[in-house]
Amino acid sequence: MAKQFECKSAGMDCPFMLRTESDDELVSFSQQHAKKTHNKDVSRQDILKMAKNV
């Protein structure tokens, strides 16, 4: 099952959205985006908590 992460789920006013079948890919790309765009470090656990099954 695919998972989807959106910055809006983290309370950010940002259009970033990622949908993938891989938890590792979801976490990696979301962490890179958070660091580069928002200068924030987000844990794997937090990203997976905010992700939705789609």
PDB file of N, CA and C in Angstrom:
ATOM      1  N   MET A   1       0.843  -1.181   0.000  1.00  0.00           N
ATOM      2  CA  MET A   1       0.000   0.000   0.000  1.00  0.00           C
ATOM      3  C   MET A   1       0.888   1.243   0.000  1.00  0.00           C
ATOM      4  N   ALA A   2       0.515   2.201  -0.802  1.00  0.00           N
ATOM      5  CA  ALA A   2       1.268   3.448  -0.893  1.00  0.00           C
ATOM      6  C   ALA A   2       1.010   4.317   0.335  1.00  0.00           C
ATOM      7  N   LYS A   3       2.001   5.141   0.643  1.00  0.00           N
ATOM      8  CA  LYS A   3       1.860   6.135   1.703  1.00  0.00           C
ATOM      9  C   LYS A   3       2.102   7.504   1.097  1.00  0.00           C
ATOM     10  N   GLN A   4       1.483   8.494   1.712  1.00  0.00           N
ATOM     11  CA  GLN A   4       1.594   9.868   1.238  1.00  0.00           C
ATOM     12  C   GLN A   4       1.948  10.772   2.409  1.00  0.00           C
ATOM     13  N   PHE A   5       2.916  11.657   2.172  1.00  0.00           N
ATOM     14  CA  PHE A   5       3.295  12.652   3.168  1.00  0.00           C
ATOM     15  C   PHE A   5       3.108  14.027   2.556  1.00  0.00           C
ATOM     16  N   GLU A   6       2.508  14.929   3.329  1.00  0.00           N
ATOM     17  CA  GLU A   6       2.338  16.319   2.913  1.00  0.00           C
ATOM     18  C   GLU A   6       2.830  17.233   4.022  1.00  0.00           C
ATOM     19  N   CYS A   7       3.486  18.318   3.647  1.00  0.00           N
ATOM     20  CA  CYS A   7       3.917  19.290   4.658  1.00  0.00           C
ATOM     21  C   CYS A   7       2.726  19.831   5.437  1.00  0.00           C
ATOM     22  N   LYS A   8       1.588  19.922   4.786  1.00  0.00           N
ATOM     23  CA  LYS A   8       0.381  20.407   5.467  1.00  0.00           C
ATOM     24  C   LYS A   8       0.054  19.548   6.685  1.00  0.00           C
ATOM     25  N   SER A   9       0.405  18.259   6.632  1.00  0.00           N
ATOM     26  CA  SER A   9       0.175  17.363   7.773  1.00  0.00           C
ATOM     27  C   SER A   9       1.016  17.769   8.975  1.00  0.00           C
ATOM     28  N   ALA A  10       2.115  18.470   8.694  1.00  0.00           N
ATOM     29  CA  ALA A  10       3.012  18.929   9.753  1.00  0.00           C
ATOM     30  C   ALA A  10       2.710  20.382  10.132  1.00  0.00           C
ATOM     31  N   GLY A  11       1.610  20.920   9.604  1.00  0.00           N
ATOM     32  CA  GLY A  11       1.221  22.280   9.948  1.00  0.00           C
ATOM     33  C   GLY A  11       1.935  23.356   9.148  1.00  0.00           C
ATOM     34  N   MET A  12       2.581  22.971   8.061  1.00  0.00           N
ATOM     35  CA  MET A  12       3.320  23.932   7.243  1.00  0.00           C
ATOM     36  C   MET A  12       2.435  24.416   6.098  1.00  0.00           C
ATOM     37  N   ASP A  13       2.615  25.673   5.691  1.00  0.00           N
ATOM     38  CA  ASP A  13       1.919  26.210   4.529  1.00  0.00           C
ATOM     39  C   ASP A  13       2.825  25.982   3.317  1.00  0.00           C
ATOM     40  N   CYS A  14       2.812  24.737   2.830  1.00  0.00           N
ATOM     41  CA  CYS A  14       3.746  24.321   1.790  1.00  0.00           C
ATOM     42  C   CYS A  14       3.053  23.274   0.916  1.00  0.00           C
ATOM     43  N   PRO A  15       3.213  23.349  -0.396  1.00  0.00           N
ATOM     44  CA  PRO A  15       2.528  22.409  -1.285  1.00  0.00           C
ATOM     45  C   PRO A  15       3.223  21.049  -1.445  1.00  0.00           C
ATOM     46  N   PHE A  16       4.337  20.814  -0.754  1.00  0.00           N
ATOM     47  CA  PHE A  16       5.071  19.555  -0.923  1.00  0.00           C
ATOM     48  C   PHE A  16       4.192  18.360  -0.599  1.00  0.00           C
ATOM     49  N   MET A  17       4.194  17.371  -1.531  1.00  0.00           N
ATOM     50  CA  MET A  17       3.478  16.118  -1.330  1.00  0.00           C
ATOM     51  C   MET A  17       4.282  15.024  -1.998  1.00  0.00           C
ATOM     52  N   LEU A  18       4.415  13.893  -1.304  1.00  0.00           N
ATOM     53  CA  LEU A  18       5.133  12.748  -1.841  1.00  0.00           C
ATOM     54  C   LEU A  18       4.309  11.501  -1.591  1.00  0.00           C
ATOM     55  N   ARG A  19       4.155  10.680  -2.639  1.00  0.00           N
ATOM     56  CA  ARG A  19       3.432   9.418  -2.519  1.00  0.00           C
ATOM     57  C   ARG A  19       4.329   8.313  -3.065  1.00  0.00           C
ATOM     58  N   THR A  20       4.513   7.246  -2.283  1.00  0.00           N
ATOM     59  CA  THR A  20       5.368   6.146  -2.691  1.00  0.00           C
ATOM     60  C   THR A  20       4.983   4.868  -1.955  1.00  0.00           C
ATOM     61  N   GLU A  21       5.416   3.755  -2.489  1.00  0.00           N
ATOM     62  CA  GLU A  21       5.198   2.451  -1.855  1.00  0.00           C
ATOM     63  C   GLU A  21       6.265   2.165  -0.794  1.00  0.00           C
ATOM     64  N   SER A  22       7.380   2.876  -0.851  1.00  0.00           N
ATOM     65  CA  SER A  22       8.532   2.591   0.003  1.00  0.00           C
ATOM     66  C   SER A  22       8.611   3.543   1.200  1.00  0.00           C
ATOM     67  N   ASP A  23       8.589   2.977   2.414  1.00  0.00           N
ATOM     68  CA  ASP A  23       8.753   3.803   3.616  1.00  0.00           C
ATOM     69  C   ASP A  23      10.108   4.502   3.603  1.00  0.00           C
ATOM     70  N   ASP A  24      11.150   3.778   3.186  1.00  0.00           N
ATOM     71  CA  ASP A  24      12.494   4.361   3.169  1.00  0.00           C
ATOM     72  C   ASP A  24      12.571   5.561   2.231  1.00  0.00           C
ATOM     73  N   GLU A  25      11.965   5.446   1.063  1.00  0.00           N
ATOM     74  CA  GLU A  25      11.955   6.548   0.103  1.00  0.00           C
ATOM     75  C   GLU A  25      11.142   7.720   0.642  1.00  0.00           C
ATOM     76  N   LEU A  26       9.993   7.427   1.228  1.00  0.00           N
ATOM     77  CA  LEU A  26       9.136   8.467   1.797  1.00  0.00           C
ATOM     78  C   LEU A  26       9.900   9.267   2.854  1.00  0.00           C
ATOM     79  N   VAL A  27      10.557   8.557   3.743  1.00  0.00           N
ATOM     80  CA  VAL A  27      11.287   9.208   4.832  1.00  0.00           C
ATOM     81  C   VAL A  27      12.475  10.002   4.282  1.00  0.00           C
ATOM     82  N   SER A  28      13.250   9.394   3.414  1.00  0.00           N
ATOM     83  CA  SER A  28      14.447  10.043   2.886  1.00  0.00           C
ATOM     84  C   SER A  28      14.125  11.351   2.165  1.00  0.00           C
ATOM     85  N   PHE A  29      13.193  11.301   1.214  1.00  0.00           N
ATOM     86  CA  PHE A  29      12.857  12.505   0.458  1.00  0.00           C
ATOM     87  C   PHE A  29      12.177  13.553   1.335  1.00  0.00           C
ATOM     88  N   SER A  30      11.332  13.127   2.250  1.00  0.00           N
ATOM     89  CA  SER A  30      10.650  14.077   3.138  1.00  0.00           C
ATOM     90  C   SER A  30      11.645  14.752   4.078  1.00  0.00           C
ATOM     91  N   GLN A  31      12.603  13.992   4.605  1.00  0.00           N
ATOM     92  CA  GLN A  31      13.621  14.582   5.475  1.00  0.00           C
ATOM     93  C   GLN A  31      14.482  15.571   4.697  1.00  0.00           C
ATOM     94  N   GLN A  32      14.857  15.216   3.470  1.00  0.00           N
ATOM     95  CA  GLN A  32      15.657  16.130   2.650  1.00  0.00           C
ATOM     96  C   GLN A  32      14.892  17.422   2.375  1.00  0.00           C
ATOM     97  N   HIS A  33      13.621  17.300   2.048  1.00  0.00           N
ATOM     98  CA  HIS A  33      12.796  18.482   1.789  1.00  0.00           C
ATOM     99  C   HIS A  33      12.688  19.352   3.043  1.00  0.00           C
ATOM    100  N   ALA A  34      12.399  18.730   4.183  1.00  0.00           N
ATOM    101  CA  ALA A  34      12.237  19.486   5.436  1.00  0.00           C
ATOM    102  C   ALA A  34      13.511  20.256   5.776  1.00  0.00           C
ATOM    103  N   LYS A  35      14.654  19.619   5.590  1.00  0.00           N
ATOM    104  CA  LYS A  35      15.927  20.259   5.921  1.00  0.00           C
ATOM    105  C   LYS A  35      16.236  21.399   4.946  1.00  0.00           C
ATOM    106  N   LYS A  36      16.113  21.115   3.651  1.00  0.00           N
ATOM    107  CA  LYS A  36      16.485  22.092   2.629  1.00  0.00           C
ATOM    108  C   LYS A  36      15.515  23.273   2.563  1.00  0.00           C
ATOM    109  N   THR A  37      14.229  22.995   2.639  1.00  0.00           N
ATOM    110  CA  THR A  37      13.217  24.029   2.440  1.00  0.00           C
ATOM    111  C   THR A  37      12.817  24.740   3.732  1.00  0.00           C
ATOM    112  N   HIS A  38      12.732  23.976   4.833  1.00  0.00           N
ATOM    113  CA  HIS A  38      12.221  24.540   6.086  1.00  0.00           C
ATOM    114  C   HIS A  38      13.271  24.613   7.191  1.00  0.00           C
ATOM    115  N   ASN A  39      14.496  24.120   6.905  1.00  0.00           N
ATOM    116  CA  ASN A  39      15.579  24.097   7.883  1.00  0.00           C
ATOM    117  C   ASN A  39      15.139  23.381   9.172  1.00  0.00           C
ATOM    118  N   LYS A  40      14.441  22.252   8.973  1.00  0.00           N
ATOM    119  CA  LYS A  40      13.946  21.467  10.109  1.00  0.00           C
ATOM    120  C   LYS A  40      14.421  20.031   9.982  1.00  0.00           C
ATOM    121  N   ASP A  41      14.722  19.432  11.122  1.00  0.00           N
ATOM    122  CA  ASP A  41      15.039  18.014  11.189  1.00  0.00           C
ATOM    123  C   ASP A  41      13.787  17.286  11.667  1.00  0.00           C
ATOM    124  N   VAL A  42      13.375  16.277  10.909  1.00  0.00           N
ATOM    125  CA  VAL A  42      12.186  15.515  11.254  1.00  0.00           C
ATOM    126  C   VAL A  42      12.584  14.044  11.340  1.00  0.00           C
ATOM    127  N   SER A  43      12.175  13.400  12.403  1.00  0.00           N
ATOM    128  CA  SER A  43      12.548  11.997  12.603  1.00  0.00           C
ATOM    129  C   SER A  43      11.760  11.075  11.678  1.00  0.00           C
ATOM    130  N   ARG A  44      12.317   9.912  11.440  1.00  0.00           N
ATOM    131  CA  ARG A  44      11.635   8.879  10.655  1.00  0.00           C
ATOM    132  C   ARG A  44      10.277   8.567  11.278  1.00  0.00           C
ATOM    133  N   GLN A  45      10.280   8.417  12.592  1.00  0.00           N
ATOM    134  CA  GLN A  45       9.045   8.081  13.310  1.00  0.00           C
ATOM    135  C   GLN A  45       7.973   9.154  13.089  1.00  0.00           C
ATOM    136  N   ASP A  46       8.348  10.423  13.164  1.00  0.00           N
ATOM    137  CA  ASP A  46       7.371  11.503  12.983  1.00  0.00           C
ATOM    138  C   ASP A  46       6.814  11.532  11.563  1.00  0.00           C
ATOM    139  N   ILE A  47       7.674  11.317  10.575  1.00  0.00           N
ATOM    140  CA  ILE A  47       7.203  11.310   9.189  1.00  0.00           C
ATOM    141  C   ILE A  47       6.205  10.173   8.982  1.00  0.00           C
ATOM    142  N   LEU A  48       6.543   8.996   9.476  1.00  0.00           N
ATOM    143  CA  LEU A  48       5.642   7.854   9.291  1.00  0.00           C
ATOM    144  C   LEU A  48       4.328   8.043  10.052  1.00  0.00           C
ATOM    145  N   LYS A  49       4.360   8.741  11.188  1.00  0.00           N
ATOM    146  CA  LYS A  49       3.119   9.036  11.922  1.00  0.00           C
ATOM    147  C   LYS A  49       2.212   9.975  11.138  1.00  0.00           C
ATOM    148  N   MET A  50       2.829  10.953  10.452  1.00  0.00           N
ATOM    149  CA  MET A  50       2.055  11.948   9.706  1.00  0.00           C
ATOM    150  C   MET A  50       1.621  11.447   8.332  1.00  0.00           C
ATOM    151  N   ALA A  51       2.265  10.391   7.829  1.00  0.00           N
ATOM    152  CA  ALA A  51       1.936   9.864   6.503  1.00  0.00           C
ATOM    153  C   ALA A  51       0.581   9.159   6.536  1.00  0.00           C
ATOM    154  N   LYS A  52      -0.084   9.211   5.397  1.00  0.00           N
ATOM    155  CA  LYS A  52      -1.390   8.553   5.265  1.00  0.00           C
ATOM    156  C   LYS A  52      -1.255   7.385   4.298  1.00  0.00           C
ATOM    157  N   ASN A  53      -1.966   6.307   4.576  1.00  0.00           N
ATOM    158  CA  ASN A  53      -2.064   5.205   3.626  1.00  0.00           C
ATOM    159  C   ASN A  53      -3.036   5.617   2.526  1.00  0.00           C
ATOM    160  N   VAL A  54      -2.618   5.442   1.284  1.00  0.00           N
ATOM    161  CA  VAL A  54      -3.483   5.810   0.147  1.00  0.00           C
ATOM    162  C   VAL A  54      -3.576   4.673  -0.851  1.00  0.00           C
TER     163      VAL A  54
END
